[in-house]
Amino acid sequence: MAELPQDEARYAVTHIGYTTEDGGQRTKLVFVTWIPRDSSVKTKMLHASSLAPLKQALNGVSIALQGHTLADLQFDDVSTG
């Protein structure tokens, strides 16, 4: 996540692995939107306008995470989401 640009928006889809309370291994497909606070207004508007159609096109996504700072993108809650 540290490689994410601080002034440009990004989308990502990734499998996140986790261990359940009973020790089982699971994965969830996670859709991540990254829109830093330092992004230009134009970038924020373009990101917002393309978000809904992109989400509709994705099948099997269990969780959607949105981040404005690196602290926002915590994957600790994936197993409960």
Protein backbone atom coordinates (compact mmCIF):
# COMPACT_ATOMS: atom_id res chain seq x y z
CA MET A 1 0.00 0.00 0.00
CA ALA A 2 2.89 2.36 0.58
CA GLU A 3 3.40 2.54 -3.20
CA LEU A 4 0.02 4.22 -3.73
CA PRO A 5 0.44 7.73 -5.13
CA GLN A 6 -0.50 10.56 -2.80
CA ASP A 7 -2.12 12.66 -5.52
CA GLU A 8 -3.79 10.18 -7.89
CA ALA A 9 -6.81 7.91 -7.54
CA ARG A 10 -6.62 4.15 -8.04
CA TYR A 11 -8.90 1.13 -8.07
CA ALA A 12 -7.76 -2.35 -7.10
CA VAL A 13 -9.32 -5.78 -6.79
CA THR A 14 -7.45 -8.32 -4.71
CA HIS A 15 -7.90 -11.56 -2.82
CA ILE A 16 -7.21 -11.09 0.87
CA GLY A 17 -6.43 -14.22 2.86
CA TYR A 18 -7.28 -14.62 6.53
CA THR A 19 -7.64 -17.27 9.20
CA THR A 20 -11.00 -17.87 10.87
CA GLU A 21 -11.39 -18.27 14.62
CA ASP A 22 -11.50 -22.04 14.20
CA GLY A 23 -8.23 -22.02 12.23
CA GLY A 24 -9.69 -22.32 8.74
CA GLN A 25 -8.06 -20.52 5.83
CA ARG A 26 -10.34 -18.26 3.79
CA THR A 27 -10.05 -15.57 1.12
CA LYS A 28 -12.35 -12.76 0.12
CA LEU A 29 -12.35 -10.71 -3.04
CA VAL A 30 -11.93 -7.08 -2.01
CA PHE A 31 -12.53 -3.98 -4.14
CA VAL A 32 -10.33 -1.09 -3.02
CA THR A 33 -10.81 2.52 -4.02
CA TRP A 34 -7.97 4.93 -3.31
CA ILE A 35 -8.67 8.65 -3.56
CA PRO A 36 -6.11 10.66 -1.59
CA ARG A 37 -7.12 13.95 -0.07
CA ASP A 38 -4.41 15.67 -2.14
CA SER A 39 -6.01 14.60 -5.43
CA SER A 40 -7.17 17.34 -7.76
CA VAL A 41 -10.86 18.19 -7.96
CA LYS A 42 -10.93 16.85 -11.51
CA THR A 43 -9.44 13.54 -10.37
CA LYS A 44 -11.97 13.25 -7.54
CA MET A 45 -14.87 13.96 -9.90
CA LEU A 46 -13.67 11.42 -12.48
CA HIS A 47 -13.13 8.82 -9.78
CA ALA A 48 -16.61 9.36 -8.34
CA SER A 49 -18.34 9.24 -11.72
CA SER A 50 -16.70 5.96 -12.75
CA LEU A 51 -17.10 4.17 -9.41
CA ALA A 52 -20.71 2.92 -9.73
CA PRO A 53 -20.36 1.39 -13.23
CA LEU A 54 -17.13 -0.29 -12.22
CA LYS A 55 -18.68 -1.78 -9.07
CA GLN A 56 -21.59 -3.12 -11.13
CA ALA A 57 -19.21 -4.83 -13.55
CA LEU A 58 -17.35 -6.67 -10.78
CA ASN A 59 -18.76 -10.06 -9.80
CA GLY A 60 -17.92 -11.84 -6.58
CA VAL A 61 -16.61 -8.90 -4.61
CA SER A 62 -17.28 -9.49 -0.91
CA ILE A 63 -16.06 -6.20 0.52
CA ALA A 64 -15.46 -2.69 -0.77
CA LEU A 65 -12.87 -0.55 1.02
CA GLN A 66 -12.32 3.14 0.41
CA GLY A 67 -9.21 4.98 1.47
CA HIS A 68 -8.16 8.61 1.60
CA THR A 69 -5.09 7.88 3.74
CA LEU A 70 -3.05 4.72 4.24
CA ALA A 71 -4.58 4.39 7.71
CA ASP A 72 -8.02 4.04 6.07
CA LEU A 73 -6.96 0.89 4.25
CA GLN A 74 -6.81 -1.60 7.07
CA PHE A 75 -7.58 -5.16 6.08
CA ASP A 76 -8.16 -6.31 9.67
CA ASP A 77 -11.94 -6.28 9.18
CA VAL A 78 -11.96 -8.45 6.05
CA SER A 79 -12.90 -11.58 7.96
CA THR A 80 -15.92 -9.86 9.53
CA GLY A 81 -17.08 -7.97 6.43
